[in-house]
Amino acid sequence: MDKLRQEYLLSYDVENNKIRTGIFRELGKYGLRAVQKSVFWGYLTQAELAAIKRYLTASLESSDKVFITQSNFNRRGQSYFLGHGTGEFTDWPESDVI
């Protein structure tokens, strides 16, 4: 994986269906993968992360919540996969990342 990309886990709690659908589509444009309906995982550059944060800030309503954290599922650290196979958190070819 490109050293400029960091691994992230992002989850959100958004009430409005239209906003929630827009967020789902937007995150997919950056190559993030949905591991649950409102939980995404993948690699982002700092510029991509900043663009996602701008999009979310402009889109969210006051009661909505988003959690973004760096993750380490592909590093040798303490990562636990309960209900998920480790294959769901593997690297993909750079050509698959938008």
N, C-alpha and C. Protein backbone atom coordinates (compact mmCIF):
# COMPACT_ATOMS: atom_id res chain seq x y z
N MET A 1 0.85 -1.18 0.00
CA MET A 1 0.00 0.00 0.00
C MET A 1 0.89 1.24 0.00
N ASP A 2 0.46 2.22 -0.70
CA ASP A 2 1.14 3.51 -0.82
C ASP A 2 1.36 4.10 0.57
N LYS A 3 2.57 4.58 0.83
CA LYS A 3 2.89 5.13 2.16
C LYS A 3 2.13 6.42 2.46
N LEU A 4 1.58 7.05 1.42
CA LEU A 4 0.81 8.28 1.64
C LEU A 4 -0.60 7.99 2.14
N ARG A 5 -1.02 6.77 2.03
CA ARG A 5 -2.37 6.39 2.47
C ARG A 5 -2.32 5.79 3.87
N GLN A 6 -3.27 6.18 4.68
CA GLN A 6 -3.43 5.64 6.02
C GLN A 6 -4.73 4.85 6.06
N GLU A 7 -4.78 3.86 6.91
CA GLU A 7 -5.96 3.02 7.05
C GLU A 7 -6.93 3.68 8.04
N TYR A 8 -8.22 3.77 7.66
CA TYR A 8 -9.23 4.42 8.49
C TYR A 8 -10.47 3.56 8.64
N LEU A 9 -11.14 3.75 9.75
CA LEU A 9 -12.45 3.17 10.02
C LEU A 9 -13.39 4.35 10.29
N LEU A 10 -14.51 4.39 9.60
CA LEU A 10 -15.45 5.50 9.71
C LEU A 10 -16.84 4.94 9.95
N SER A 11 -17.54 5.50 10.92
CA SER A 11 -18.93 5.09 11.16
C SER A 11 -19.77 6.34 11.34
N TYR A 12 -21.04 6.20 11.03
CA TYR A 12 -21.92 7.36 11.15
C TYR A 12 -23.32 6.95 11.60
N ASP A 13 -23.98 7.89 12.25
CA ASP A 13 -25.36 7.76 12.69
C ASP A 13 -26.10 8.98 12.15
N VAL A 14 -26.82 8.77 11.05
CA VAL A 14 -27.49 9.87 10.36
C VAL A 14 -28.96 9.52 10.20
N GLU A 15 -29.84 10.40 10.64
CA GLU A 15 -31.28 10.11 10.61
C GLU A 15 -31.91 10.28 9.23
N ASN A 16 -31.56 11.32 8.51
CA ASN A 16 -32.18 11.64 7.23
C ASN A 16 -31.73 10.65 6.15
N ASN A 17 -32.70 9.96 5.53
CA ASN A 17 -32.39 8.95 4.52
C ASN A 17 -31.62 9.51 3.34
N LYS A 18 -31.99 10.68 2.86
CA LYS A 18 -31.33 11.29 1.70
C LYS A 18 -29.87 11.61 2.02
N ILE A 19 -29.63 12.18 3.19
CA ILE A 19 -28.25 12.51 3.60
C ILE A 19 -27.45 11.23 3.80
N ARG A 20 -28.05 10.24 4.45
CA ARG A 20 -27.37 8.97 4.70
C ARG A 20 -26.99 8.27 3.39
N THR A 21 -27.88 8.27 2.42
CA THR A 21 -27.59 7.67 1.11
C THR A 21 -26.48 8.43 0.41
N GLY A 22 -26.50 9.75 0.51
CA GLY A 22 -25.44 10.56 -0.09
C GLY A 22 -24.08 10.27 0.52
N ILE A 23 -24.04 10.11 1.83
CA ILE A 23 -22.78 9.79 2.52
C ILE A 23 -22.28 8.43 2.08
N PHE A 24 -23.17 7.45 2.01
CA PHE A 24 -22.79 6.11 1.57
C PHE A 24 -22.15 6.16 0.19
N ARG A 25 -22.75 6.87 -0.73
CA ARG A 25 -22.21 6.99 -2.10
C ARG A 25 -20.90 7.75 -2.12
N GLU A 26 -20.83 8.83 -1.38
CA GLU A 26 -19.61 9.67 -1.36
C GLU A 26 -18.42 8.88 -0.83
N LEU A 27 -18.60 8.12 0.23
CA LEU A 27 -17.49 7.35 0.79
C LEU A 27 -17.02 6.28 -0.18
N GLY A 28 -17.96 5.69 -0.92
CA GLY A 28 -17.59 4.72 -1.94
C GLY A 28 -16.74 5.32 -3.04
N LYS A 29 -16.95 6.58 -3.36
CA LYS A 29 -16.16 7.25 -4.40
C LYS A 29 -14.68 7.33 -4.02
N TYR A 30 -14.40 7.30 -2.73
CA TYR A 30 -13.01 7.37 -2.26
C TYR A 30 -12.41 5.99 -2.05
N GLY A 31 -13.12 4.96 -2.48
CA GLY A 31 -12.59 3.60 -2.38
C GLY A 31 -12.80 2.96 -1.03
N LEU A 32 -13.55 3.60 -0.14
CA LEU A 32 -13.83 3.00 1.16
C LEU A 32 -14.85 1.88 0.96
N ARG A 33 -14.73 0.84 1.74
CA ARG A 33 -15.63 -0.32 1.63
C ARG A 33 -16.57 -0.37 2.83
N ALA A 34 -17.84 -0.64 2.52
CA ALA A 34 -18.84 -0.77 3.58
C ALA A 34 -18.70 -2.15 4.21
N VAL A 35 -18.39 -2.18 5.51
CA VAL A 35 -18.32 -3.45 6.23
C VAL A 35 -19.61 -3.68 7.01
N GLN A 36 -20.39 -2.64 7.18
CA GLN A 36 -21.76 -2.69 7.67
C GLN A 36 -22.48 -1.52 7.00
N LYS A 37 -23.77 -1.37 7.23
CA LYS A 37 -24.52 -0.33 6.54
C LYS A 37 -23.96 1.08 6.76
N SER A 38 -23.47 1.36 7.92
CA SER A 38 -22.95 2.70 8.20
C SER A 38 -21.55 2.66 8.79
N VAL A 39 -20.79 1.64 8.43
CA VAL A 39 -19.39 1.51 8.86
C VAL A 39 -18.55 1.24 7.63
N PHE A 40 -17.55 2.09 7.41
CA PHE A 40 -16.68 1.97 6.25
C PHE A 40 -15.24 1.80 6.68
N TRP A 41 -14.46 1.13 5.84
CA TRP A 41 -13.05 0.88 6.10
C TRP A 41 -12.27 1.06 4.81
N GLY A 42 -11.06 1.57 4.91
CA GLY A 42 -10.20 1.67 3.74
C GLY A 42 -9.04 2.61 3.97
N TYR A 43 -8.37 2.91 2.88
CA TYR A 43 -7.18 3.76 2.91
C TYR A 43 -7.48 5.11 2.29
N LEU A 44 -6.97 6.16 2.93
CA LEU A 44 -7.16 7.53 2.44
C LEU A 44 -5.86 8.31 2.55
N THR A 45 -5.67 9.23 1.61
CA THR A 45 -4.60 10.21 1.75
C THR A 45 -5.12 11.31 2.67
N GLN A 46 -4.25 12.18 3.11
CA GLN A 46 -4.68 13.30 3.95
C GLN A 46 -5.62 14.22 3.17
N ALA A 47 -5.37 14.38 1.87
CA ALA A 47 -6.24 15.22 1.04
C ALA A 47 -7.63 14.61 0.92
N GLU A 48 -7.71 13.30 0.73
CA GLU A 48 -9.00 12.62 0.65
C GLU A 48 -9.75 12.72 1.97
N LEU A 49 -9.04 12.53 3.06
CA LEU A 49 -9.66 12.65 4.38
C LEU A 49 -10.22 14.06 4.59
N ALA A 50 -9.45 15.07 4.20
CA ALA A 50 -9.90 16.46 4.34
C ALA A 50 -11.14 16.71 3.48
N ALA A 51 -11.18 16.15 2.27
CA ALA A 51 -12.34 16.32 1.39
C ALA A 51 -13.57 15.66 1.99
N ILE A 52 -13.41 14.47 2.56
CA ILE A 52 -14.53 13.77 3.20
C ILE A 52 -15.03 14.57 4.40
N LYS A 53 -14.12 15.10 5.19
CA LYS A 53 -14.53 15.90 6.36
C LYS A 53 -15.28 17.15 5.93
N ARG A 54 -14.84 17.80 4.85
CA ARG A 54 -15.56 18.97 4.33
C ARG A 54 -16.97 18.58 3.87
N TYR A 55 -17.06 17.46 3.14
CA TYR A 55 -18.36 16.99 2.66
C TYR A 55 -19.30 16.71 3.84
N LEU A 56 -18.79 16.00 4.83
CA LEU A 56 -19.61 15.65 5.99
C LEU A 56 -20.05 16.90 6.75
N THR A 57 -19.15 17.83 6.96
CA THR A 57 -19.46 19.07 7.69
C THR A 57 -20.57 19.83 6.98
N ALA A 58 -20.54 19.85 5.66
CA ALA A 58 -21.56 20.56 4.89
C ALA A 58 -22.88 19.80 4.83
N SER A 59 -22.86 18.49 5.01
CA SER A 59 -24.04 17.65 4.82
C SER A 59 -24.81 17.32 6.09
N LEU A 60 -24.12 17.22 7.21
CA LEU A 60 -24.73 16.70 8.43
C LEU A 60 -25.67 17.70 9.09
N GLU A 61 -26.69 17.15 9.73
CA GLU A 61 -27.59 17.95 10.55
C GLU A 61 -27.10 17.92 11.99
N SER A 62 -27.66 18.76 12.85
CA SER A 62 -27.13 18.92 14.20
C SER A 62 -27.20 17.64 15.04
N SER A 63 -28.14 16.75 14.76
CA SER A 63 -28.26 15.52 15.56
C SER A 63 -27.41 14.36 15.02
N ASP A 64 -26.79 14.54 13.84
CA ASP A 64 -26.01 13.47 13.23
C ASP A 64 -24.63 13.36 13.87
N LYS A 65 -24.07 12.14 13.77
CA LYS A 65 -22.75 11.88 14.36
C LYS A 65 -21.91 11.07 13.39
N VAL A 66 -20.61 11.38 13.35
CA VAL A 66 -19.64 10.63 12.54
C VAL A 66 -18.41 10.38 13.40
N PHE A 67 -17.88 9.20 13.29
CA PHE A 67 -16.68 8.80 14.02
C PHE A 67 -15.65 8.34 12.99
N ILE A 68 -14.49 8.99 12.95
CA ILE A 68 -13.41 8.62 12.03
C ILE A 68 -12.17 8.35 12.86
N THR A 69 -11.56 7.21 12.66
CA THR A 69 -10.34 6.88 13.40
C THR A 69 -9.38 6.11 12.51
N GLN A 70 -8.10 6.30 12.75
CA GLN A 70 -7.13 5.46 12.07
C GLN A 70 -7.26 4.06 12.62
N SER A 71 -7.09 3.08 11.76
CA SER A 71 -7.16 1.69 12.20
C SER A 71 -5.88 0.97 11.82
N ASN A 72 -5.75 -0.25 12.29
CA ASN A 72 -4.53 -1.01 12.01
C ASN A 72 -4.85 -2.47 11.71
N PHE A 73 -5.94 -2.72 11.02
CA PHE A 73 -6.32 -4.10 10.74
C PHE A 73 -5.29 -4.84 9.91
N ASN A 74 -4.52 -4.13 9.13
CA ASN A 74 -3.52 -4.80 8.29
C ASN A 74 -2.11 -4.69 8.85
N ARG A 75 -1.98 -4.22 10.05
CA ARG A 75 -0.68 -4.19 10.70
C ARG A 75 -0.68 -5.23 11.80
N ARG A 76 0.46 -5.54 12.30
CA ARG A 76 0.53 -6.54 13.37
C ARG A 76 0.34 -5.85 14.71
N GLY A 77 -0.90 -5.65 15.06
CA GLY A 77 -1.24 -5.02 16.33
C GLY A 77 -2.44 -5.73 16.90
N GLN A 78 -3.08 -5.12 17.83
CA GLN A 78 -4.27 -5.72 18.43
C GLN A 78 -5.49 -5.35 17.60
N SER A 79 -5.89 -6.24 16.74
CA SER A 79 -7.10 -6.08 15.95
C SER A 79 -7.95 -7.32 16.15
N TYR A 80 -9.21 -7.12 16.35
CA TYR A 80 -10.11 -8.24 16.61
C TYR A 80 -11.22 -8.23 15.57
N PHE A 81 -11.52 -9.37 15.01
CA PHE A 81 -12.54 -9.51 13.98
C PHE A 81 -13.66 -10.38 14.53
N LEU A 82 -14.65 -9.79 15.13
CA LEU A 82 -15.78 -10.53 15.66
C LEU A 82 -16.93 -10.40 14.67
N GLY A 83 -17.31 -11.50 14.08
CA GLY A 83 -18.37 -11.46 13.09
C GLY A 83 -17.88 -11.10 11.69
N HIS A 84 -16.58 -10.90 11.55
CA HIS A 84 -15.98 -10.60 10.25
C HIS A 84 -14.79 -11.52 10.06
N GLY A 85 -14.56 -11.94 8.83
CA GLY A 85 -13.35 -12.67 8.52
C GLY A 85 -12.22 -11.69 8.24
N THR A 86 -11.00 -12.08 8.53
CA THR A 86 -9.88 -11.17 8.29
C THR A 86 -9.76 -10.83 6.82
N GLY A 87 -10.30 -11.65 5.95
CA GLY A 87 -10.26 -11.36 4.51
C GLY A 87 -11.00 -10.10 4.13
N GLU A 88 -11.93 -9.64 4.97
CA GLU A 88 -12.66 -8.41 4.68
C GLU A 88 -11.80 -7.17 4.88
N PHE A 89 -10.68 -7.32 5.54
CA PHE A 89 -9.81 -6.18 5.83
C PHE A 89 -8.43 -6.39 5.22
N THR A 90 -8.42 -6.79 3.96
CA THR A 90 -7.14 -6.99 3.29
C THR A 90 -6.92 -5.88 2.28
N ASP A 91 -5.69 -5.69 1.92
CA ASP A 91 -5.35 -4.69 0.92
C ASP A 91 -5.96 -5.08 -0.42
N TRP A 92 -6.20 -4.09 -1.25
CA TRP A 92 -6.65 -4.34 -2.60
C TRP A 92 -5.71 -3.61 -3.54
N PRO A 93 -5.68 -4.01 -4.82
CA PRO A 93 -4.77 -3.38 -5.75
C PRO A 93 -5.01 -1.88 -5.82
N GLU A 94 -3.94 -1.13 -5.96
CA GLU A 94 -4.04 0.32 -6.02
C GLU A 94 -4.99 0.77 -7.12
N SER A 95 -5.08 0.00 -8.20
CA SER A 95 -5.95 0.38 -9.31
C SER A 95 -7.42 0.35 -8.92
N ASP A 96 -7.77 -0.35 -7.83
CA ASP A 96 -9.16 -0.41 -7.38
C ASP A 96 -9.53 0.79 -6.52
N VAL A 97 -8.57 1.57 -6.10
CA VAL A 97 -8.84 2.72 -5.24
C VAL A 97 -9.08 3.94 -6.14
N ILE A 98 -10.18 4.63 -5.90
CA ILE A 98 -10.52 5.79 -6.73
C ILE A 98 -9.79 7.01 -6.20
